[in-house]
N, C-alpha and C. Protein backbone atom coordinates (compact mmCIF):
# COMPACT_ATOMS: atom_id res chain seq x y z
N UNK A 1 0.77 -0.89 -0.35
CA UNK A 1 -0.11 0.21 0.08
C UNK A 1 0.75 1.27 -0.14
N UNK A 2 0.85 2.16 -0.88
CA UNK A 2 1.18 3.30 -1.07
C UNK A 2 1.19 4.44 0.02
N UNK A 3 1.54 5.12 0.41
CA UNK A 3 1.36 6.08 1.46
C UNK A 3 1.63 7.08 0.20
N UNK A 4 0.14 8.19 0.58
CA UNK A 4 -0.10 9.53 -0.35
C UNK A 4 -0.05 10.17 1.33
N UNK A 5 0.69 11.68 0.39
CA UNK A 5 0.58 12.67 1.46
C UNK A 5 -0.67 13.42 1.10
N UNK A 6 -0.71 14.20 2.19
CA UNK A 6 -1.79 14.95 2.60
C UNK A 6 -1.93 16.06 1.92
N UNK A 7 -3.06 16.53 1.06
CA UNK A 7 -2.39 17.81 1.34
C UNK A 7 -3.84 18.98 1.61
N UNK A 8 -4.08 19.88 2.09
CA UNK A 8 -5.25 20.80 2.71
C UNK A 8 -5.30 21.49 1.33
N UNK A 9 -4.76 22.40 0.52
CA UNK A 9 -5.15 22.46 -0.66
C UNK A 9 -6.16 21.91 -1.49
N UNK A 10 -6.47 21.11 -0.90
CA UNK A 10 -6.61 19.76 -1.92
C UNK A 10 -8.35 19.96 -1.60
N UNK A 11 -8.38 20.21 -0.36
CA UNK A 11 -9.97 20.21 0.64
C UNK A 11 -10.52 21.94 0.59
N UNK A 12 -9.94 22.78 0.00
CA UNK A 12 -10.18 23.37 0.44
C UNK A 12 -10.60 23.95 -1.31
N UNK A 13 -9.79 23.63 -2.23
CA UNK A 13 -10.29 23.34 -3.60
C UNK A 13 -11.89 23.06 -3.75
N UNK A 14 -11.68 21.73 -3.28
CA UNK A 14 -13.21 21.51 -3.54
C UNK A 14 -14.17 22.08 -2.64
N UNK A 15 -14.34 22.61 -1.98
CA UNK A 15 -15.43 23.15 -0.61
C UNK A 15 -15.39 24.54 -1.33
N UNK A 16 -14.48 25.05 -2.50
CA UNK A 16 -14.79 26.21 -3.15
C UNK A 16 -15.57 26.11 -4.29
N UNK A 17 -15.06 24.71 -4.75
CA UNK A 17 -15.66 23.90 -6.19
C UNK A 17 -17.18 23.75 -5.95
N UNK A 18 -17.63 23.10 -4.52
CA UNK A 18 -18.87 23.26 -4.23
C UNK A 18 -19.85 24.34 -4.24
N UNK A 19 -19.17 25.34 -3.48
CA UNK A 19 -20.00 26.75 -3.35
C UNK A 19 -20.10 27.49 -4.65
N UNK A 20 -19.39 27.03 -6.08
CA UNK A 20 -19.61 27.35 -6.62
C UNK A 20 -20.35 26.88 -7.60
N UNK A 21 -20.67 26.14 -7.28
CA UNK A 21 -21.73 24.59 -7.58
C UNK A 21 -22.98 25.44 -7.28
N UNK A 22 -23.38 25.83 -5.43
CA UNK A 22 -24.17 26.13 -5.12
C UNK A 22 -25.18 27.33 -5.78
N UNK A 23 -23.71 28.15 -5.89
CA UNK A 23 -24.10 29.00 -6.77
C UNK A 23 -25.03 29.41 -7.53
N UNK A 24 -24.68 28.57 -8.40
CA UNK A 24 -24.70 28.52 -10.12
C UNK A 24 -26.11 27.94 -9.71
N UNK A 25 -26.36 26.97 -8.94
CA UNK A 25 -27.90 26.37 -8.82
C UNK A 25 -29.03 27.56 -8.43
N UNK A 26 -28.53 28.53 -7.72
CA UNK A 26 -29.24 29.47 -7.34
C UNK A 26 -29.30 31.40 -7.82
N UNK A 27 -29.10 30.85 -8.70
CA UNK A 27 -28.23 31.80 -9.81
C UNK A 27 -27.51 31.81 -11.05
N UNK A 28 -29.24 31.64 -11.88
CA UNK A 28 -29.12 31.01 -13.28
C UNK A 28 -28.41 32.36 -14.24
N UNK A 29 -28.02 33.33 -13.41
CA UNK A 29 -27.02 34.21 -14.97
C UNK A 29 -26.41 33.55 -14.54
N UNK A 30 -25.49 33.55 -13.82
CA UNK A 30 -23.46 32.99 -13.67
C UNK A 30 -23.49 31.84 -14.71
N UNK A 31 -24.43 30.84 -15.08
CA UNK A 31 -24.10 29.86 -15.18
C UNK A 31 -23.81 30.82 -17.19
N UNK A 32 -23.98 31.49 -17.66
CA UNK A 32 -23.74 31.94 -18.90
C UNK A 32 -22.46 32.52 -18.83
N UNK A 33 -21.76 33.41 -17.68
CA UNK A 33 -20.33 33.34 -17.63
C UNK A 33 -18.96 32.95 -18.25
N UNK A 34 -18.24 34.11 -18.10
CA UNK A 34 -17.23 32.90 -18.16
C UNK A 34 -15.98 32.65 -17.30
N UNK A 35 -17.09 33.24 -16.19
CA UNK A 35 -16.53 32.89 -14.95
C UNK A 35 -17.45 32.09 -13.77
N UNK A 36 -17.17 31.34 -13.30
CA UNK A 36 -18.21 30.33 -12.62
C UNK A 36 -18.90 31.51 -11.37
N UNK A 37 -18.35 32.22 -10.96
CA UNK A 37 -18.91 33.46 -10.28
C UNK A 37 -19.05 34.64 -10.61
N UNK A 38 -20.30 35.50 -10.54
CA UNK A 38 -20.36 36.73 -10.79
C UNK A 38 -19.46 37.63 -10.51
N UNK A 39 -19.29 37.54 -9.04
CA UNK A 39 -18.23 38.44 -8.17
C UNK A 39 -16.95 38.13 -8.82
N UNK A 40 -16.14 37.41 -9.68
CA UNK A 40 -15.07 36.91 -9.76
C UNK A 40 -14.74 38.34 -10.64
N UNK A 41 -15.73 38.21 -11.86
CA UNK A 41 -15.26 39.56 -12.53
C UNK A 41 -15.59 40.83 -12.30
N UNK A 42 -16.18 41.21 -10.98
CA UNK A 42 -15.89 42.88 -10.32
C UNK A 42 -14.93 42.85 -9.44
N UNK A 43 -14.17 41.34 -8.79
CA UNK A 43 -13.01 41.84 -7.70
C UNK A 43 -11.71 41.44 -8.16
N UNK A 44 -10.92 41.99 -8.42
CA UNK A 44 -9.73 42.26 -8.76
C UNK A 44 -8.76 41.37 -7.69
N UNK A 45 -7.49 41.15 -7.64
CA UNK A 45 -6.67 40.05 -7.12
C UNK A 45 -6.48 41.17 -5.57
N UNK A 46 -6.47 42.38 -5.38
CA UNK A 46 -6.20 43.25 -4.52
C UNK A 46 -7.64 43.74 -3.85
N UNK A 47 -8.32 43.11 -4.65
CA UNK A 47 -9.73 42.66 -3.42
C UNK A 47 -10.60 44.24 -3.49
N UNK A 48 -10.38 44.88 -5.14
CA UNK A 48 -11.10 46.36 -5.18
C UNK A 48 -12.41 46.08 -6.27
N UNK A 49 -12.93 45.95 -5.94
CA UNK A 49 -14.36 46.33 -7.03
C UNK A 49 -13.85 47.67 -8.10
N UNK A 50 -14.53 46.76 -9.22
CA UNK A 50 -14.25 47.28 -10.88
C UNK A 50 -15.66 46.85 -11.40
N UNK A 51 -15.97 47.88 -12.25
CA UNK A 51 -17.42 47.80 -12.56
C UNK A 51 -17.46 46.85 -13.18
N UNK A 52 -18.77 46.24 -13.85
CA UNK A 52 -19.07 45.43 -14.66
C UNK A 52 -19.50 45.99 -16.00
N UNK A 53 -19.38 45.33 -16.85
CA UNK A 53 -19.63 46.31 -18.40
C UNK A 53 -20.08 45.14 -18.95
N UNK A 54 -20.69 45.56 -20.49
CA UNK A 54 -21.44 45.18 -21.69
C UNK A 54 -20.75 45.67 -22.68
N UNK A 55 -20.45 44.74 -23.75
CA UNK A 55 -19.67 45.31 -24.63
C UNK A 55 -20.71 45.28 -26.33
N UNK A 56 -21.07 45.71 -27.01
CA UNK A 56 -22.09 45.41 -28.22
C UNK A 56 -21.20 45.84 -29.31
N UNK A 57 -21.28 44.80 -29.89
CA UNK A 57 -20.58 44.76 -31.45
C UNK A 57 -21.21 45.49 -32.62
N UNK A 58 -21.57 46.40 -33.18
CA UNK A 58 -22.58 47.09 -33.50
C UNK A 58 -21.89 47.10 -35.25
N UNK A 59 -22.87 47.74 -36.29
CA UNK A 59 -22.34 47.60 -37.29
C UNK A 59 -21.74 48.57 -37.61
N UNK A 60 -21.75 49.51 -37.14
CA UNK A 60 -20.37 50.61 -37.68
C UNK A 60 -19.92 51.39 -36.24
N UNK A 61 -20.24 50.47 -34.84
CA UNK A 61 -19.82 51.02 -33.76
C UNK A 61 -19.61 50.12 -32.87
N UNK A 62 -19.02 50.30 -31.95
CA UNK A 62 -19.14 49.55 -30.18
C UNK A 62 -19.49 50.41 -29.39
N UNK A 63 -20.32 49.85 -28.45
CA UNK A 63 -21.23 50.15 -27.33
C UNK A 63 -20.96 49.77 -25.85
N UNK A 64 -20.25 50.42 -25.31
CA UNK A 64 -19.85 49.97 -24.22
C UNK A 64 -20.56 50.45 -22.67
N UNK A 65 -21.00 49.19 -21.78
CA UNK A 65 -21.70 50.49 -20.47
C UNK A 65 -21.37 49.41 -19.21
N UNK A 66 -21.15 50.68 -18.75
CA UNK A 66 -20.40 50.31 -17.74
C UNK A 66 -21.09 50.70 -16.25
N UNK A 67 -21.15 49.88 -15.37
CA UNK A 67 -22.19 50.72 -13.85
C UNK A 67 -20.93 51.21 -13.05
N UNK A 68 -21.73 52.10 -12.95
CA UNK A 68 -20.99 52.93 -12.09
C UNK A 68 -21.72 53.96 -11.01
N UNK A 69 -22.52 52.65 -10.39
CA UNK A 69 -23.46 53.85 -9.02
C UNK A 69 -22.96 54.48 -8.18
N UNK A 70 -23.11 55.67 -7.97
CA UNK A 70 -22.53 56.36 -6.87
C UNK A 70 -21.23 56.99 -7.44
N UNK A 71 -20.68 57.15 -8.63
CA UNK A 71 -19.78 57.35 -8.90
C UNK A 71 -19.99 59.38 -9.50
N UNK A 72 -19.45 60.25 -9.37
CA UNK A 72 -19.45 61.44 -9.60
C UNK A 72 -18.97 61.43 -11.38
N UNK A 73 -19.88 61.98 -12.27
CA UNK A 73 -19.40 62.14 -13.98
C UNK A 73 -18.29 62.77 -14.40
N UNK A 74 -17.64 63.43 -13.50
CA UNK A 74 -16.23 64.43 -13.26
C UNK A 74 -15.18 63.74 -12.91
N UNK A 75 -15.27 62.64 -12.33
CA UNK A 75 -14.24 61.81 -12.10
C UNK A 75 -14.10 60.79 -12.32
N UNK A 76 -14.87 60.40 -13.40
CA UNK A 76 -14.48 59.32 -14.93
C UNK A 76 -13.30 59.45 -15.88
N UNK A 77 -12.93 58.84 -15.45
CA UNK A 77 -11.32 59.09 -16.60
C UNK A 77 -11.92 57.70 -17.74
N UNK A 78 -11.66 58.69 -19.24
CA UNK A 78 -12.00 57.35 -20.24
C UNK A 78 -11.08 57.32 -21.38
N UNK A 79 -10.28 56.85 -21.53
CA UNK A 79 -8.78 56.63 -22.55
C UNK A 79 -8.63 55.24 -23.29
N UNK A 80 -7.37 55.85 -24.87
CA UNK A 80 -8.11 54.24 -25.86
C UNK A 80 -6.09 54.22 -25.75
N UNK A 81 -5.82 52.97 -25.14
CA UNK A 81 -4.61 52.75 -25.64
C UNK A 81 -4.52 51.65 -26.13
N UNK A 82 -3.76 51.90 -27.21
CA UNK A 82 -3.27 50.19 -28.56
C UNK A 82 -4.44 48.91 -28.75
N UNK A 83 -5.76 49.93 -28.90
CA UNK A 83 -7.07 49.04 -29.29
C UNK A 83 -8.07 48.35 -27.85
N UNK A 84 -7.21 49.31 -26.64
CA UNK A 84 -8.06 48.34 -25.42
C UNK A 84 -8.83 50.26 -24.86
N UNK A 85 -9.63 49.77 -24.55
CA UNK A 85 -10.32 50.92 -23.78
C UNK A 85 -10.05 50.76 -22.40
N UNK A 86 -9.84 51.79 -21.58
CA UNK A 86 -9.63 52.44 -20.60
C UNK A 86 -10.45 52.87 -19.37
N UNK A 87 -11.45 52.64 -18.14
CA UNK A 87 -12.27 53.31 -17.71
C UNK A 87 -11.69 53.70 -15.65
N UNK A 88 -11.24 54.40 -15.98
CA UNK A 88 -10.69 54.65 -14.50
C UNK A 88 -11.46 55.79 -13.69
N UNK A 89 -11.41 55.55 -12.27
CA UNK A 89 -12.31 56.89 -11.58
C UNK A 89 -11.40 56.46 -10.18
N UNK A 90 -11.57 57.60 -9.09
CA UNK A 90 -11.74 57.53 -7.44
C UNK A 90 -12.72 57.86 -6.73
N UNK A 91 -13.19 56.57 -5.90
CA UNK A 91 -14.61 57.15 -5.47
C UNK A 91 -13.90 57.19 -3.76
N UNK A 92 -14.64 58.51 -3.37
CA UNK A 92 -14.59 59.10 -1.86
C UNK A 92 -15.46 58.76 -1.37
N UNK A 93 -15.28 58.53 0.18
CA UNK A 93 -17.28 58.08 0.74
C UNK A 93 -16.75 58.76 1.76
N UNK A 94 -17.59 59.62 2.79
CA UNK A 94 -17.37 60.56 3.77
C UNK A 94 -18.82 60.70 4.03
N UNK A 95 -18.65 59.62 5.90
CA UNK A 95 -19.88 59.55 6.45
C UNK A 95 -19.54 60.32 7.79
N UNK A 96 -20.62 61.14 8.23
CA UNK A 96 -20.11 61.50 9.53
C UNK A 96 -21.37 61.46 10.23
N UNK A 97 -21.82 61.49 11.64
CA UNK A 97 -22.75 61.32 12.26
C UNK A 97 -22.90 62.34 13.48
N UNK A 98 -23.77 62.70 13.74
CA UNK A 98 -23.15 63.82 15.01
C UNK A 98 -24.91 63.11 16.13
N UNK A 99 -25.12 62.94 17.26
CA UNK A 99 -25.65 62.33 17.82
C UNK A 99 -25.65 63.26 19.11
N UNK A 100 -26.53 63.19 20.39
CA UNK A 100 -26.32 63.91 21.18
C UNK A 100 -24.76 63.09 22.33
N UNK A 101 -24.63 62.00 22.86
CA UNK A 101 -23.35 61.79 23.07
C UNK A 101 -22.67 60.77 22.09
N UNK A 102 -22.67 60.81 20.94
CA UNK A 102 -22.19 60.03 20.23
C UNK A 102 -21.65 61.33 18.82
N UNK A 103 -20.43 60.56 18.81
CA UNK A 103 -19.89 60.89 17.45
C UNK A 103 -19.48 59.39 16.18
N UNK A 104 -19.88 59.68 15.46
CA UNK A 104 -18.76 58.81 14.08
C UNK A 104 -18.62 59.94 13.05
N UNK A 105 -17.24 59.08 12.35
CA UNK A 105 -17.02 59.36 11.07
C UNK A 105 -15.85 58.15 10.68
N UNK A 106 -16.56 57.91 8.98
CA UNK A 106 -15.85 57.17 8.36
C UNK A 106 -15.55 57.72 7.36
N UNK A 107 -14.70 57.66 6.42
CA UNK A 107 -13.93 58.02 5.41
C UNK A 107 -13.24 56.22 4.80
N UNK A 108 -13.37 56.13 3.30
CA UNK A 108 -13.34 55.09 2.46
C UNK A 108 -12.51 55.89 0.91
N UNK A 109 -11.14 55.46 0.94
CA UNK A 109 -11.20 56.21 -0.39
C UNK A 109 -10.76 54.36 -1.49
N UNK A 110 -10.76 54.65 -2.53
CA UNK A 110 -10.08 54.01 -3.10
C UNK A 110 -10.45 54.48 -4.61
N UNK A 111 -9.54 53.46 -5.65
CA UNK A 111 -9.40 53.85 -6.86
C UNK A 111 -9.72 52.33 -7.71
N UNK A 112 -10.12 52.30 -9.21
CA UNK A 112 -10.04 51.30 -9.72
C UNK A 112 -9.82 51.60 -10.91
N UNK A 113 -9.25 50.74 -12.03
CA UNK A 113 -8.90 51.22 -13.52
C UNK A 113 -9.67 49.66 -14.13
N UNK A 114 -10.27 49.92 -15.02
CA UNK A 114 -10.92 48.73 -15.74
C UNK A 114 -10.50 48.86 -17.51
N UNK A 115 -9.92 47.98 -17.99
CA UNK A 115 -9.43 47.45 -18.89
C UNK A 115 -10.49 46.63 -19.93
N UNK A 116 -10.61 46.86 -20.64
CA UNK A 116 -11.40 46.24 -21.82
C UNK A 116 -10.82 46.08 -23.40
N UNK A 117 -10.44 44.94 -23.92
CA UNK A 117 -10.01 44.83 -24.88
C UNK A 117 -11.23 45.31 -26.49
N UNK A 118 -11.26 45.57 -26.51
CA UNK A 118 -11.47 46.09 -28.28
C UNK A 118 -11.75 44.91 -29.07
N UNK A 119 -12.90 45.06 -29.64
CA UNK A 119 -13.07 43.56 -30.92
C UNK A 119 -12.70 44.67 -32.24
N UNK A 120 -12.50 45.62 -32.49
CA UNK A 120 -11.62 45.85 -33.80
C UNK A 120 -11.30 47.20 -33.48
N UNK A 121 -10.14 48.11 -34.61
CA UNK A 121 -10.06 49.69 -34.34
C UNK A 121 -11.57 50.55 -34.50
N UNK A 122 -11.30 51.26 -33.21
CA UNK A 122 -11.97 52.47 -34.00
C UNK A 122 -11.17 53.80 -33.52
N UNK A 123 -12.24 54.62 -33.87
CA UNK A 123 -11.86 56.25 -34.41
C UNK A 123 -11.89 56.74 -33.18
N UNK A 124 -10.49 57.15 -32.92
CA UNK A 124 -10.70 58.12 -31.26
C UNK A 124 -10.81 59.10 -30.89
N UNK A 125 -11.10 60.00 -32.41
CA UNK A 125 -11.60 61.53 -32.45
C UNK A 125 -13.16 61.60 -32.54
N UNK A 126 -13.72 60.50 -32.46
CA UNK A 126 -15.26 60.71 -32.65
C UNK A 126 -16.17 60.11 -31.62
N UNK A 127 -15.21 59.72 -30.04
CA UNK A 127 -15.75 58.76 -29.79
C UNK A 127 -16.66 59.66 -28.88
N UNK A 128 -17.74 59.20 -28.08
CA UNK A 128 -18.83 59.71 -27.48
C UNK A 128 -19.01 58.91 -25.95
N UNK A 129 -19.52 59.66 -25.09
CA UNK A 129 -19.93 59.41 -23.97
C UNK A 129 -20.70 59.36 -23.02
N UNK A 130 -21.98 58.78 -22.56
CA UNK A 130 -22.90 59.64 -22.03
C UNK A 130 -23.14 59.22 -20.57
N UNK A 131 -23.79 59.65 -19.31
CA UNK A 131 -23.44 59.29 -18.56
C UNK A 131 -24.65 59.78 -17.59
N UNK A 132 -25.51 58.89 -16.92
CA UNK A 132 -27.02 59.18 -16.86
C UNK A 132 -27.42 57.93 -15.05
N UNK A 133 -27.81 58.09 -14.03
CA UNK A 133 -28.15 56.95 -13.50
C UNK A 133 -27.24 56.14 -13.38
N UNK A 134 -26.22 56.44 -12.98
CA UNK A 134 -24.94 55.82 -12.87
C UNK A 134 -24.43 54.37 -14.28
N UNK A 135 -25.10 54.96 -14.77
CA UNK A 135 -24.60 54.25 -16.46
C UNK A 135 -23.98 55.02 -17.11
N UNK A 136 -22.70 54.39 -17.08
CA UNK A 136 -22.31 54.67 -18.31
C UNK A 136 -22.09 54.34 -19.61
N UNK A 137 -22.44 55.19 -20.81
CA UNK A 137 -22.89 54.66 -22.08
C UNK A 137 -21.49 55.01 -23.24
N UNK A 138 -20.62 54.69 -23.42
CA UNK A 138 -19.49 55.09 -24.52
C UNK A 138 -19.77 54.18 -26.10
N UNK A 139 -19.66 54.83 -26.85
CA UNK A 139 -19.95 55.11 -28.50
C UNK A 139 -18.63 55.07 -29.00
N UNK A 140 -18.10 54.09 -29.88
CA UNK A 140 -16.47 54.34 -30.27
C UNK A 140 -16.91 53.48 -31.73
N UNK A 141 -17.23 54.62 -32.66
CA UNK A 141 -17.06 54.45 -34.30
C UNK A 141 -15.81 53.68 -34.50
N UNK A 142 -16.45 52.77 -35.62
CA UNK A 142 -15.52 51.56 -36.36
C UNK A 142 -14.70 53.38 -37.12
N UNK A 143 -13.47 52.18 -37.70
CA UNK A 143 -12.07 52.72 -38.24
C UNK A 143 -13.50 52.70 -39.69
N UNK A 144 -13.52 53.21 -40.56
CA UNK A 144 -13.93 52.68 -41.80
C UNK A 144 -12.87 51.78 -42.69
N UNK A 145 -13.27 50.70 -42.90
CA UNK A 145 -12.00 50.45 -43.95
C UNK A 145 -11.94 50.73 -45.09
N UNK A 146 -11.17 51.12 -45.13
CA UNK A 146 -10.85 51.55 -46.86
C UNK A 146 -11.01 50.17 -48.19
N UNK A 147 -11.86 50.28 -48.63
CA UNK A 147 -12.14 49.62 -50.09
C UNK A 147 -11.45 49.23 -50.97
N UNK A 148 -10.52 47.90 -51.36
CA UNK A 148 -9.93 47.72 -52.67
C UNK A 148 -10.93 48.61 -53.87
N UNK A 149 -9.41 49.38 -54.89
CA UNK A 149 -9.50 50.15 -55.69
C UNK A 149 -9.29 49.16 -56.64
N UNK A 150 -10.44 49.07 -57.95
CA UNK A 150 -9.87 48.48 -59.16
C UNK A 150 -9.42 49.25 -60.17
N UNK A 151 -8.89 48.92 -60.70
CA UNK A 151 -8.03 49.14 -61.48
C UNK A 151 -8.25 48.66 -63.16
N UNK A 152 -8.88 49.54 -64.39
CA UNK A 152 -8.34 48.56 -65.45
C UNK A 152 -6.77 49.11 -66.21
N UNK A 153 -6.58 48.02 -66.50
CA UNK A 153 -5.34 47.89 -67.34
C UNK A 153 -5.77 47.54 -68.34
N UNK A 154 -5.00 48.53 -69.74
CA UNK A 154 -5.35 48.27 -71.24
C UNK A 154 -4.06 47.30 -71.45
N UNK A 155 -4.49 46.25 -71.95
CA UNK A 155 -2.97 45.24 -72.51
C UNK A 155 -3.05 45.45 -74.33
N UNK A 156 -1.69 46.25 -74.58
CA UNK A 156 -2.12 46.47 -75.86
C UNK A 156 -1.24 44.92 -76.72
């Protein structure tokens, strides 16, 4: 009989898979995600939340919708770098409660940057964005493809 070494991480991995399976059973929307659980797309390795996005490839443009609830539109930074769309922002939250014999003040500051690979080349000079009710919509017009020019050659 062979002696097997006990691996504690194997047990943790099995437990994680069971929790993911339970989550998928109670949340049918997560079954269509590339992640087994939807929060994995929203939390980076540092534990900082990033916005959920939808990328829609239309005929003449690419439409990106990002959920940014509670963020001031003046604090949103949008850039296009090497066929990638980068959405950055900083979230500041201050809460102060004063009562008779009670004082409480909390502050939290965090920032995020979400990079989205664009499915095609876009014309960065014609990009437009709107922000309403916590939803950022970015319209990225596609670069017009140059059509091949047909030249007639007379053979003599």
